[in-house]
Amino acid sequence: MASEKTMAQLSLSQSRDDDDYPHKPDGLTADSDTDNKEAVAITPHQVTDTPLKYRLIALSCILFFTTGAAFAESTLGPLKSTFVRELKINNVQFASISTASNLVNTMLPLIGGTVMDYYGSIYGAIGACFFTVLGSAIAAGAASSNNYQLLIGGRIVMGLGSIVLEICQSKLYAHWFSGSWLATVIALDLAWNSVTVVIARVSAVPMSRIGDWYGWALWIPTIVCAVCTLIVIAYLVFERRVVPQRYRPITGREVHKQRVAAGLELNEGVLSRMRTSVLNVLRLPCFYLMLAGTHLFQNSARTVYSANLTDIQERTRGTTALTGGYYSSLLNVIVIVVVPLLGMFFDKVGYRMPFVSIGAAIYVVAFALIGLTKVNAIAPILLASFGLSLNVLPWIASFPILVPDPTLIGTAYGLFSSLIACNNVILEVACGAIQDATPGQTYDRVIYVLIAIKAWQVLEGPAFDWLDGKLLGHSLRMSEKQRLEFDKAREETGETLPGLQRYRPVTIIVAFQYVSMVIISWVLFFIYSM
């Protein structure tokens, strides 16, 4: 029985091909009762002993996966008045441009995340890069004919790739840095994304004036997307040719092969394996699902604010598009410094959830100042930047804690991204319609909506901190070192945390919510984009 228990706790990272090891790992030594394969359970865990040199090389590539897509996306907001003028569209139709890439992302991230969990991340990233470059090129080509529908089509195609790249990034970060500097690395990624956004917003209007043609503001991001594709290919070569097998990302297909070899599963056909992969969403833990399901419109409120910030300044303060673009770029300045420090705080100290409420409260003040007063725009923009620094990281840095199975982490990020995309489509189109219905097309009513959303999030921090104590033993309050020791102690005692288990009512509620939001977002998009 002791031998059987040892084998039952064997991780997939220890059960790779023997040729990749200088010696047989513990648990694979010959035993007289190892023929009893029914006692063997292959349980995947994240690899935590990867050499630093591999981690740093991986980080230097993964960090730039989404740079091109982020650059292309962020040039849109400062050019709102240009698009409205050149394409002869209204505010709702502009909102449709900014949400077009989100439309396909209402479903694609969930599908892509489950497929990447089974087959691996990097090949999905290559395909995603193709769609990102193609879509941005189509959108840029639309500038030649001032074709609104073609621009929408290009943004949709680009959306096929951009969100899959983000999921791939998150999944790879969880693999390379789990148990060490994960929150810091995710924070570094957010900081670099903020640098990209600052550059894009500052340069958007000047790019649109090159040769007196706004099309360059769309073609230059296309070139950046192509360069990022080369970086993804370089990472593929590194992972497959340089990194030893035992340190590579774990896939569901490898787990399946190990379980088939152990006699725990049948060697099913391709369709059966794909069905199992897609149904991964039903295996997600209940605490994660509660977090994802209650995160209604929180990211979308920031997206609406960011996309319209330049236009808000033009309407409320009389600034030019160029000046408004420069000021809008300040939205991400503080993020570049504060987020990495916050990531280090989470890794070394913990206490993630209180920062959710602090960041949301700061946003409430910033929204009120920018939309309902005449104070200099720099003050609320910098304040919102500080709120952004505190508001984003606690969520995404918590997912590898809430979903410890590496063959589910892509599904987790995919579902969350799909819900955010639904929220973005619904809220951006709704706010565009609200603005059009407001006398003088002011932003007053839109600002009230955004304030209400962030006021709700102020309550989420203490609520989830309380649930963390009840369901996770306060894992979200722990540093990475404390959490690893806590998890090790749980494994030794056989203790299970309720928050990491499946709970069918929660799964059904979140599934119903997701399907409903997909339907609503698609209906709203096609009603208001035509």
Protein backbone atom coordinates (compact mmCIF):
# COMPACT_ATOMS: atom_id res chain seq x y z
CA MET A 1 0.00 0.00 0.00
CA ALA A 2 2.86 2.37 0.69
CA SER A 3 4.20 1.82 -2.79
CA GLU A 4 0.75 2.37 -4.25
CA LYS A 5 0.37 5.64 -2.34
CA THR A 6 3.75 6.84 -3.58
CA MET A 7 2.74 6.10 -7.14
CA ALA A 8 -0.62 7.79 -6.64
CA GLN A 9 1.09 11.04 -5.70
CA LEU A 10 3.46 10.94 -8.66
CA SER A 11 3.37 14.12 -10.73
CA LEU A 12 3.44 14.18 -14.49
CA SER A 13 6.61 16.23 -14.41
CA GLN A 14 8.30 13.22 -12.79
CA SER A 15 6.83 10.70 -15.18
CA ARG A 16 8.25 11.94 -18.49
CA ASP A 17 10.38 9.62 -20.62
CA ASP A 18 13.24 8.10 -18.62
CA ASP A 19 15.77 9.12 -21.26
CA ASP A 20 15.39 12.75 -20.20
CA TYR A 21 16.72 12.09 -16.70
CA PRO A 22 20.20 11.38 -15.41
CA HIS A 23 18.56 9.02 -12.90
CA LYS A 24 15.14 7.55 -12.26
CA PRO A 25 13.02 9.97 -10.25
CA ASP A 26 11.54 8.98 -6.93
CA GLY A 27 8.40 6.93 -7.39
CA LEU A 28 9.59 5.25 -10.59
CA THR A 29 11.94 2.83 -8.94
CA ALA A 30 11.14 -0.82 -9.49
CA ASP A 31 8.76 -2.35 -6.98
CA SER A 32 7.33 -5.79 -6.73
CA ASP A 33 3.78 -4.47 -6.92
CA THR A 34 4.15 -1.93 -9.72
CA ASP A 35 2.24 -4.27 -12.01
CA ASN A 36 -0.89 -3.22 -10.18
CA LYS A 37 -1.54 -0.35 -12.58
CA GLU A 38 -4.99 0.34 -11.26
CA ALA A 39 -3.33 1.93 -8.24
CA VAL A 40 -1.41 4.42 -10.34
CA ALA A 41 -2.83 7.92 -10.70
CA ILE A 42 -1.15 10.49 -12.84
CA THR A 43 -1.69 13.88 -11.24
CA PRO A 44 -0.20 16.84 -13.12
CA HIS A 45 1.56 19.59 -11.18
CA GLN A 46 3.43 22.68 -12.28
CA VAL A 47 7.20 22.23 -12.55
CA THR A 48 8.86 24.51 -9.97
CA ASP A 49 12.56 23.62 -10.35
CA THR A 50 13.22 24.91 -13.88
CA PRO A 51 16.75 26.42 -14.18
CA LEU A 52 16.84 30.21 -14.20
CA LYS A 53 18.53 30.44 -17.62
CA TYR A 54 15.56 28.76 -19.31
CA ARG A 55 13.10 30.97 -17.45
CA LEU A 56 14.84 34.19 -18.46
CA ILE A 57 15.13 33.21 -22.12
CA ALA A 58 11.47 32.20 -22.16
CA LEU A 59 10.45 35.49 -20.51
CA SER A 60 12.43 37.54 -23.05
CA CYS A 61 10.30 36.01 -25.82
CA ILE A 62 6.87 35.56 -24.19
CA LEU A 63 6.83 39.18 -23.01
CA PHE A 64 6.50 40.39 -26.62
CA PHE A 65 3.87 37.92 -27.88
CA THR A 66 0.99 40.42 -27.65
CA THR A 67 2.89 43.67 -28.23
CA GLY A 68 1.73 44.04 -31.83
CA ALA A 69 -1.92 43.36 -31.02
CA ALA A 70 -1.82 45.74 -28.03
CA PHE A 71 -0.23 48.45 -30.16
CA ALA A 72 -2.87 48.07 -32.88
CA GLU A 73 -5.69 48.08 -30.33
CA SER A 74 -4.44 51.15 -28.46
CA THR A 75 -4.15 53.41 -31.50
CA LEU A 76 -7.93 53.36 -31.86
CA GLY A 77 -9.03 55.58 -28.95
CA PRO A 78 -7.00 58.71 -29.80
CA LEU A 79 -8.28 58.50 -33.39
CA LYS A 80 -11.99 58.48 -32.51
CA SER A 81 -12.69 61.92 -33.93
CA THR A 82 -10.66 61.05 -37.05
CA PHE A 83 -12.64 57.85 -37.69
CA VAL A 84 -15.97 59.56 -37.04
CA ARG A 85 -15.05 62.28 -39.54
CA GLU A 86 -13.40 60.18 -42.26
CA LEU A 87 -15.80 57.24 -42.17
CA LYS A 88 -18.88 59.41 -41.50
CA ILE A 89 -20.10 57.29 -38.58
CA ASN A 90 -21.71 57.98 -35.21
CA ASN A 91 -20.61 57.14 -31.67
CA VAL A 92 -22.37 53.77 -31.58
CA GLN A 93 -20.71 52.74 -34.84
CA PHE A 94 -17.31 53.77 -33.49
CA ALA A 95 -18.02 51.65 -30.42
CA SER A 96 -18.69 48.79 -32.84
CA ILE A 97 -15.20 49.26 -34.33
CA SER A 98 -13.58 49.10 -30.91
CA THR A 99 -15.64 46.06 -29.92
CA ALA A 100 -15.39 44.18 -33.23
CA SER A 101 -12.28 42.30 -32.14
CA ASN A 102 -14.13 41.40 -28.94
CA LEU A 103 -17.06 39.82 -30.80
CA VAL A 104 -15.33 36.58 -31.76
CA ASN A 105 -13.60 36.62 -28.40
CA THR A 106 -16.92 35.97 -26.70
CA MET A 107 -16.37 32.29 -27.56
CA LEU A 108 -12.91 31.82 -29.08
CA PRO A 109 -10.82 32.18 -25.87
CA LEU A 110 -12.74 29.43 -24.11
CA ILE A 111 -12.37 27.09 -27.08
CA GLY A 112 -8.74 28.09 -27.62
CA GLY A 113 -7.89 27.72 -23.94
CA THR A 114 -9.27 24.19 -23.73
CA VAL A 115 -7.52 23.14 -26.94
CA MET A 116 -4.20 24.63 -25.77
CA ASP A 117 -4.55 22.81 -22.45
CA TYR A 118 -4.69 19.55 -24.37
CA TYR A 119 -2.31 20.12 -27.28
CA GLY A 120 0.02 22.82 -25.92
CA SER A 121 0.27 26.58 -26.20
CA ILE A 122 2.90 27.37 -28.77
CA TYR A 123 1.25 26.00 -31.90
CA GLY A 124 -1.90 27.91 -31.03
CA ALA A 125 0.24 31.03 -30.70
CA ILE A 126 1.62 30.57 -34.23
CA GLY A 127 -1.90 30.33 -35.66
CA ALA A 128 -3.03 33.31 -33.60
CA CYS A 129 -0.18 35.42 -34.99
CA PHE A 130 -1.36 34.67 -38.53
CA PHE A 131 -4.84 36.01 -37.78
CA THR A 132 -3.45 39.05 -35.96
CA VAL A 133 -1.28 40.10 -38.90
CA LEU A 134 -3.99 39.32 -41.47
CA GLY A 135 -6.69 41.17 -39.55
CA SER A 136 -4.60 44.27 -38.92
CA ALA A 137 -3.64 44.32 -42.62
CA ILE A 138 -7.30 44.12 -43.70
CA ALA A 139 -8.22 46.92 -41.29
CA ALA A 140 -5.34 49.04 -42.59
CA GLY A 141 -6.42 48.41 -46.17
CA ALA A 142 -9.87 49.75 -45.31
CA ALA A 143 -8.35 53.20 -44.84
CA SER A 144 -7.69 53.42 -48.58
CA SER A 145 -11.40 53.30 -49.40
CA ASN A 146 -12.80 54.67 -46.13
CA ASN A 147 -14.77 51.43 -45.92
CA TYR A 148 -16.36 51.08 -42.50
CA GLN A 149 -17.50 47.46 -43.02
CA LEU A 150 -14.03 46.37 -44.17
CA LEU A 151 -12.51 47.97 -41.08
CA ILE A 152 -14.98 46.06 -38.91
CA GLY A 153 -14.09 42.83 -40.73
CA GLY A 154 -10.38 43.38 -40.22
CA ARG A 155 -10.84 44.01 -36.52
CA ILE A 156 -12.87 40.80 -36.18
CA VAL A 157 -10.15 38.76 -37.92
CA MET A 158 -7.51 40.38 -35.71
CA GLY A 159 -9.59 39.45 -32.69
CA LEU A 160 -9.31 35.79 -33.70
CA GLY A 161 -5.63 35.96 -32.83
CA SER A 162 -5.06 38.63 -30.21
CA ILE A 163 -6.94 37.04 -27.33
CA VAL A 164 -5.52 33.57 -28.03
CA LEU A 165 -2.05 35.08 -27.76
CA GLU A 166 -2.94 36.54 -24.37
CA ILE A 167 -4.15 33.16 -23.10
CA CYS A 168 -1.01 31.50 -24.43
CA GLN A 169 1.07 34.11 -22.61
CA SER A 170 -0.74 33.58 -19.31
CA LYS A 171 -0.50 29.80 -19.56
CA LEU A 172 3.24 29.94 -20.28
CA TYR A 173 3.88 32.36 -17.41
CA ALA A 174 2.09 29.93 -15.06
CA HIS A 175 4.35 27.14 -16.31
CA TRP A 176 7.71 28.91 -16.16
CA PHE A 177 7.26 30.89 -12.92
CA SER A 178 4.74 29.03 -10.74
CA GLY A 179 5.84 28.93 -7.11
CA SER A 180 8.49 31.63 -7.45
CA TRP A 181 7.98 35.02 -9.09
CA LEU A 182 4.70 34.44 -10.92
CA ALA A 183 2.89 37.60 -9.76
CA THR A 184 6.01 39.68 -10.43
CA VAL A 185 6.33 38.33 -13.97
CA ILE A 186 2.63 38.89 -14.69
CA ALA A 187 3.08 42.41 -13.31
CA LEU A 188 6.09 42.93 -15.56
CA ASP A 189 3.94 41.85 -18.50
CA LEU A 190 1.26 44.36 -17.52
CA ALA A 191 3.91 47.06 -17.19
CA TRP A 192 5.31 46.32 -20.65
CA ASN A 193 1.79 46.33 -22.06
CA SER A 194 1.35 49.75 -20.48
CA VAL A 195 4.55 50.96 -22.13
CA THR A 196 3.14 49.73 -25.44
CA VAL A 197 -0.15 51.51 -24.82
CA VAL A 198 1.63 54.76 -23.93
CA ILE A 199 3.70 54.61 -27.12
CA ALA A 200 0.63 53.78 -29.22
CA ARG A 201 -1.50 56.58 -27.80
CA VAL A 202 1.22 59.19 -28.03
CA SER A 203 2.07 58.22 -31.60
CA ALA A 204 -1.45 57.54 -32.93
CA VAL A 205 -2.30 61.07 -34.03
CA PRO A 206 1.22 61.85 -35.40
CA MET A 207 1.10 58.58 -37.38
CA SER A 208 -2.29 59.57 -38.80
CA ARG A 209 -0.71 62.76 -40.18
CA ILE A 210 2.14 61.09 -42.06
CA GLY A 211 1.66 62.06 -45.69
CA ASP A 212 -1.67 63.68 -44.73
CA TRP A 213 -3.23 60.20 -44.62
CA TYR A 214 -4.58 58.56 -41.49
CA GLY A 215 -3.97 55.09 -42.92
CA TRP A 216 -0.40 55.02 -41.62
CA ALA A 217 -1.82 54.85 -38.10
CA LEU A 218 -3.19 51.43 -39.12
CA TRP A 219 -0.33 50.15 -41.31
CA ILE A 220 2.49 50.75 -38.81
CA PRO A 221 0.80 48.56 -36.15
CA THR A 222 0.49 45.85 -38.82
CA ILE A 223 4.27 45.89 -39.24
CA VAL A 224 4.71 45.61 -35.47
CA CYS A 225 2.39 42.56 -35.45
CA ALA A 226 4.57 40.91 -38.12
CA VAL A 227 7.72 41.46 -36.04
CA CYS A 228 6.04 39.90 -32.99
CA THR A 229 5.20 36.84 -35.09
CA LEU A 230 8.93 36.30 -35.66
CA ILE A 231 9.46 36.41 -31.88
CA VAL A 232 6.79 33.73 -31.37
CA ILE A 233 8.55 31.52 -33.93
CA ALA A 234 11.85 32.07 -32.09
CA TYR A 235 10.24 30.89 -28.86
CA LEU A 236 8.90 27.78 -30.62
CA VAL A 237 12.43 26.87 -31.71
CA PHE A 238 13.74 27.51 -28.18
CA GLU A 239 11.09 25.37 -26.46
CA ARG A 240 11.30 22.45 -28.89
CA ARG A 241 15.03 22.43 -29.62
CA VAL A 242 16.76 23.79 -26.52
CA VAL A 243 14.65 23.12 -23.42
CA PRO A 244 14.92 19.55 -22.00
CA GLN A 245 11.71 17.54 -22.08
CA ARG A 246 11.17 17.59 -18.30
CA TYR A 247 11.05 21.41 -18.20
CA ARG A 248 8.65 21.89 -21.11
CA PRO A 249 5.00 22.87 -20.53
CA ILE A 250 2.75 19.98 -19.53
CA THR A 251 -0.15 19.17 -21.88
CA GLY A 252 -3.35 17.23 -21.42
CA ARG A 253 -2.31 14.94 -24.25
CA GLU A 254 0.79 13.90 -22.29
CA VAL A 255 -1.35 13.26 -19.21
CA HIS A 256 -3.68 11.13 -21.33
CA LYS A 257 -0.78 9.07 -22.69
CA GLN A 258 0.55 8.49 -19.18
CA ARG A 259 -2.86 7.39 -17.94
CA VAL A 260 -3.34 5.08 -20.93
CA ALA A 261 0.08 3.55 -20.26
CA ALA A 262 -0.92 3.09 -16.61
CA GLY A 263 -4.15 1.37 -17.64
CA LEU A 264 -6.35 4.09 -16.15
CA GLU A 265 -7.89 5.27 -19.43
CA LEU A 266 -8.72 3.84 -22.82
CA ASN A 267 -6.91 5.07 -25.91
CA GLU A 268 -9.89 6.93 -27.36
CA GLY A 269 -10.27 8.40 -30.81
CA VAL A 270 -9.62 12.00 -31.79
CA LEU A 271 -13.26 13.09 -31.50
CA SER A 272 -13.60 11.61 -28.02
CA ARG A 273 -10.41 13.32 -26.87
CA MET A 274 -11.55 16.65 -28.30
CA ARG A 275 -14.90 16.29 -26.53
CA THR A 276 -13.10 15.62 -23.26
CA SER A 277 -10.88 18.66 -23.86
CA VAL A 278 -13.80 21.01 -24.55
CA LEU A 279 -15.65 19.75 -21.46
CA ASN A 280 -12.67 20.79 -19.33
CA VAL A 281 -14.71 23.83 -18.36
CA LEU A 282 -16.90 21.56 -16.22
CA ARG A 283 -13.84 20.63 -14.14
CA LEU A 284 -13.05 24.19 -13.06
CA PRO A 285 -13.03 24.79 -9.27
CA CYS A 286 -15.97 26.57 -7.68
CA PHE A 287 -14.02 29.49 -6.15
CA TYR A 288 -12.58 30.41 -9.54
CA LEU A 289 -16.05 30.24 -11.13
CA MET A 290 -17.53 32.47 -8.43
CA LEU A 291 -14.79 35.02 -9.01
CA ALA A 292 -15.18 34.95 -12.80
CA GLY A 293 -18.97 35.06 -12.68
CA THR A 294 -19.24 38.06 -10.35
CA HIS A 295 -16.59 40.11 -12.18
CA LEU A 296 -19.33 41.82 -14.19
CA PHE A 297 -18.23 44.75 -16.38
CA GLN A 298 -15.25 45.60 -14.15
CA ASN A 299 -12.64 45.32 -16.91
CA SER A 300 -15.15 46.75 -19.38
CA ALA A 301 -15.58 49.93 -17.35
CA ARG A 302 -11.85 50.56 -17.71
CA THR A 303 -12.02 49.73 -21.42
CA VAL A 304 -14.86 52.18 -22.08
CA TYR A 305 -13.08 54.89 -20.08
CA SER A 306 -9.78 54.30 -21.87
CA ALA A 307 -11.30 54.13 -25.38
CA ASN A 308 -13.18 57.41 -24.92
CA LEU A 309 -10.68 59.34 -22.80
CA THR A 310 -9.36 61.51 -25.63
CA ASP A 311 -12.87 62.36 -26.82
CA ILE A 312 -14.00 63.10 -23.25
CA GLN A 313 -11.24 65.69 -22.96
CA GLU A 314 -12.17 67.25 -26.31
CA ARG A 315 -15.81 67.62 -25.26
CA THR A 316 -15.37 68.65 -21.62
CA ARG A 317 -12.17 70.69 -21.79
CA GLY A 318 -11.82 71.74 -25.41
CA THR A 319 -8.45 70.05 -25.91
CA THR A 320 -7.30 69.06 -29.38
CA ALA A 321 -7.11 65.43 -30.48
CA LEU A 322 -3.30 65.59 -30.35
CA THR A 323 -3.20 67.02 -26.82
CA GLY A 324 -5.91 64.63 -25.66
CA GLY A 325 -3.90 61.71 -27.04
CA TYR A 326 -0.81 62.84 -25.16
CA TYR A 327 -2.78 63.23 -21.93
CA SER A 328 -4.48 59.84 -22.44
CA SER A 329 -1.09 58.19 -22.70
CA LEU A 330 -0.49 59.19 -19.07
CA LEU A 331 -3.17 56.66 -18.08
CA ASN A 332 -0.55 53.91 -18.12
CA VAL A 333 2.49 55.80 -16.82
CA ILE A 334 2.10 54.91 -13.14
CA VAL A 335 1.28 51.31 -14.07
CA ILE A 336 4.78 50.89 -15.47
CA VAL A 337 6.31 51.49 -12.04
CA VAL A 338 3.66 50.45 -9.51
CA VAL A 339 2.48 47.11 -10.96
CA PRO A 340 5.90 45.35 -10.81
CA LEU A 341 6.27 46.50 -7.20
CA LEU A 342 2.79 45.20 -6.41
CA GLY A 343 3.66 41.88 -8.04
CA MET A 344 6.71 41.57 -5.80
CA PHE A 345 4.50 42.40 -2.82
CA PHE A 346 2.09 39.59 -3.69
CA ASP A 347 4.93 37.09 -4.18
CA LYS A 348 6.71 37.99 -0.95
CA VAL A 349 3.84 39.12 1.32
CA GLY A 350 0.44 38.20 -0.17
CA TYR A 351 -2.89 39.93 0.66
CA ARG A 352 -4.25 40.15 -2.88
CA MET A 353 -7.96 40.89 -2.42
CA PRO A 354 -7.79 44.15 -0.39
CA PHE A 355 -6.15 45.85 -3.36
CA VAL A 356 -9.24 45.10 -5.47
CA SER A 357 -11.34 47.46 -3.35
CA ILE A 358 -8.64 50.13 -3.08
CA GLY A 359 -8.18 50.24 -6.85
CA ALA A 360 -11.93 50.36 -7.48
CA ALA A 361 -12.42 53.24 -5.02
CA ILE A 362 -9.68 55.23 -6.75
CA TYR A 363 -11.41 54.64 -10.08
CA VAL A 364 -14.70 56.01 -8.73
CA VAL A 365 -12.98 59.27 -7.82
CA ALA A 366 -11.10 59.44 -11.14
CA PHE A 367 -14.26 58.86 -13.21
CA ALA A 368 -16.11 61.58 -11.33
CA LEU A 369 -13.27 64.09 -11.77
CA ILE A 370 -12.73 63.49 -15.49
CA GLY A 371 -16.40 63.39 -16.49
CA LEU A 372 -18.25 65.61 -14.06
CA THR A 373 -15.77 68.41 -13.29
CA LYS A 374 -13.50 70.80 -15.18
CA VAL A 375 -10.29 70.10 -13.25
CA ASN A 376 -7.12 69.70 -15.27
CA ALA A 377 -7.36 66.32 -17.00
CA ILE A 378 -3.88 65.27 -15.90
CA ALA A 379 -4.99 64.85 -12.26
CA PRO A 380 -7.82 62.31 -12.82
CA ILE A 381 -5.82 60.53 -15.54
CA LEU A 382 -2.88 59.95 -13.19
CA LEU A 383 -5.30 58.95 -10.44
CA ALA A 384 -6.93 56.40 -12.76
CA SER A 385 -3.48 55.13 -13.66
CA PHE A 386 -2.83 54.44 -9.99
CA GLY A 387 -6.22 52.71 -9.72
CA LEU A 388 -5.38 50.58 -12.75
CA SER A 389 -2.11 49.58 -11.10
CA LEU A 390 -3.93 48.19 -8.07
CA ASN A 391 -7.03 46.85 -9.80
CA VAL A 392 -5.87 44.41 -12.48
CA LEU A 393 -3.10 42.28 -10.99
CA PRO A 394 -4.94 40.78 -7.97
CA TRP A 395 -7.31 38.91 -10.27
CA ILE A 396 -5.07 37.46 -12.95
CA ALA A 397 -2.21 36.69 -10.55
CA SER A 398 -4.63 34.63 -8.46
CA PHE A 399 -5.77 32.24 -11.21
CA PRO A 400 -2.82 29.80 -10.94
CA ILE A 401 -3.62 29.59 -7.21
CA LEU A 402 -7.33 29.01 -7.79
CA VAL A 403 -6.72 26.53 -10.64
CA PRO A 404 -3.59 24.57 -9.65
CA ASP A 405 -3.98 21.93 -12.40
CA PRO A 406 -1.74 23.05 -15.33
CA THR A 407 -3.99 21.19 -17.78
CA LEU A 408 -6.87 23.50 -16.79
CA ILE A 409 -5.15 26.89 -16.55
CA GLY A 410 -5.67 27.71 -20.24
CA THR A 411 -9.36 26.90 -19.88
CA ALA A 412 -9.55 29.16 -16.82
CA TYR A 413 -7.94 32.11 -18.57
CA GLY A 414 -10.04 31.39 -21.66
CA LEU A 415 -13.36 31.48 -19.82
CA PHE A 416 -12.39 34.67 -18.01
CA SER A 417 -11.32 36.30 -21.29
CA SER A 418 -14.57 35.23 -22.97
CA LEU A 419 -16.62 36.73 -20.17
CA ILE A 420 -14.62 39.96 -20.39
CA ALA A 421 -15.17 40.08 -24.17
CA CYS A 422 -18.92 39.68 -23.65
CA ASN A 423 -18.84 42.44 -21.05
CA ASN A 424 -16.84 44.69 -23.38
CA VAL A 425 -19.25 44.30 -26.29
CA ILE A 426 -22.32 44.85 -24.12
CA LEU A 427 -20.97 47.83 -22.17
CA GLU A 428 -19.21 49.62 -25.04
CA VAL A 429 -22.23 49.39 -27.33
CA ALA A 430 -24.56 50.33 -24.48
CA CYS A 431 -22.45 53.33 -23.49
CA GLY A 432 -22.28 54.45 -27.13
CA ALA A 433 -26.07 54.31 -27.30
CA ILE A 434 -26.36 56.12 -23.96
CA GLN A 435 -24.08 58.90 -25.21
CA ASP A 436 -26.04 59.28 -28.45
CA ALA A 437 -29.26 59.54 -26.43
CA THR A 438 -27.82 62.17 -24.07
CA PRO A 439 -28.64 65.80 -24.97
CA GLY A 440 -25.56 67.30 -26.60
CA GLN A 441 -23.96 63.83 -26.68
CA THR A 442 -22.15 64.52 -23.43
CA TYR A 443 -20.57 61.80 -21.31
CA ASP A 444 -22.46 62.57 -18.09
CA ARG A 445 -24.74 59.52 -18.14
CA VAL A 446 -21.92 57.25 -19.30
CA ILE A 447 -19.80 58.39 -16.35
CA TYR A 448 -22.64 57.61 -13.91
CA VAL A 449 -22.81 54.06 -15.29
CA LEU A 450 -19.04 53.58 -14.93
CA ILE A 451 -19.07 54.92 -11.36
CA ALA A 452 -21.87 52.50 -10.41
CA ILE A 453 -19.90 49.55 -11.81
CA LYS A 454 -16.74 50.40 -9.90
CA ALA A 455 -18.72 51.09 -6.72
CA TRP A 456 -19.90 47.47 -6.91
CA GLN A 457 -16.30 46.29 -7.15
CA VAL A 458 -15.39 48.12 -3.95
CA LEU A 459 -17.52 45.49 -2.19
CA GLU A 460 -15.89 42.56 -4.00
CA GLY A 461 -12.56 42.85 -2.20
CA PRO A 462 -13.79 42.15 1.37
CA ALA A 463 -16.35 39.63 0.08
CA PHE A 464 -13.73 37.49 -1.65
CA ASP A 465 -11.26 37.91 1.20
CA TRP A 466 -13.90 36.41 3.50
CA LEU A 467 -14.62 33.59 1.04
CA ASP A 468 -10.88 33.00 0.73
CA GLY A 469 -10.73 32.27 4.44
CA LYS A 470 -13.77 29.99 4.34
CA LEU A 471 -12.96 28.03 1.17
CA LEU A 472 -9.20 28.31 0.57
CA GLY A 473 -7.65 28.62 4.02
CA HIS A 474 -6.64 32.20 3.15
CA SER A 475 -4.39 31.06 0.29
CA LEU A 476 -4.81 34.47 -1.35
CA ARG A 477 -3.34 36.15 1.73
CA MET A 478 -0.19 34.04 1.58
CA SER A 479 3.14 34.73 -0.09
CA GLU A 480 4.31 32.23 -2.70
CA LYS A 481 6.66 30.59 -0.19
CA GLN A 482 3.94 30.27 2.44
CA ARG A 483 1.50 28.91 -0.12
CA LEU A 484 3.90 26.21 -1.34
CA GLU A 485 4.49 25.11 2.27
CA PHE A 486 0.74 25.17 2.90
CA ASP A 487 0.06 23.05 -0.21
CA LYS A 488 2.79 20.59 0.75
CA ALA A 489 1.32 20.19 4.22
CA ARG A 490 -2.13 19.62 2.73
CA GLU A 491 -0.83 16.92 0.42
CA GLU A 492 0.82 15.13 3.33
CA THR A 493 -2.39 15.15 5.38
CA GLY A 494 -4.71 14.56 2.43
CA GLU A 495 -6.68 17.75 3.19
CA THR A 496 -8.80 19.18 0.39
CA LEU A 497 -9.92 22.80 0.16
CA PRO A 498 -13.61 23.34 -0.67
CA GLY A 499 -12.78 26.21 -3.02
CA LEU A 500 -10.64 23.95 -5.22
CA GLN A 501 -13.43 21.40 -5.65
CA ARG A 502 -16.16 21.32 -8.25
CA TYR A 503 -19.63 22.40 -7.11
CA ARG A 504 -22.31 21.67 -9.66
CA PRO A 505 -24.78 24.50 -8.83
CA VAL A 506 -22.02 27.10 -9.25
CA THR A 507 -20.95 25.52 -12.55
CA ILE A 508 -24.54 25.57 -13.87
CA ILE A 509 -25.12 29.20 -12.84
CA VAL A 510 -21.91 30.47 -14.44
CA ALA A 511 -22.55 28.40 -17.59
CA PHE A 512 -26.04 29.90 -17.93
CA GLN A 513 -24.63 33.39 -17.33
CA TYR A 514 -21.95 32.89 -19.99
CA VAL A 515 -24.34 31.58 -22.67
CA SER A 516 -26.79 34.43 -21.97
CA MET A 517 -24.07 37.07 -22.25
CA VAL A 518 -22.78 35.62 -25.53
CA ILE A 519 -26.27 35.85 -27.04
CA ILE A 520 -26.85 39.39 -25.75
CA SER A 521 -23.46 40.67 -26.95
CA TRP A 522 -23.91 39.30 -30.48
CA VAL A 523 -27.45 40.68 -30.76
CA LEU A 524 -26.40 44.13 -29.53
CA PHE A 525 -23.40 44.24 -31.84
CA PHE A 526 -25.34 43.50 -35.01
CA ILE A 527 -28.25 45.75 -34.07
CA TYR A 528 -26.05 48.80 -33.48
CA SER A 529 -23.24 48.23 -35.99
CA MET A 530 -25.46 48.15 -39.06
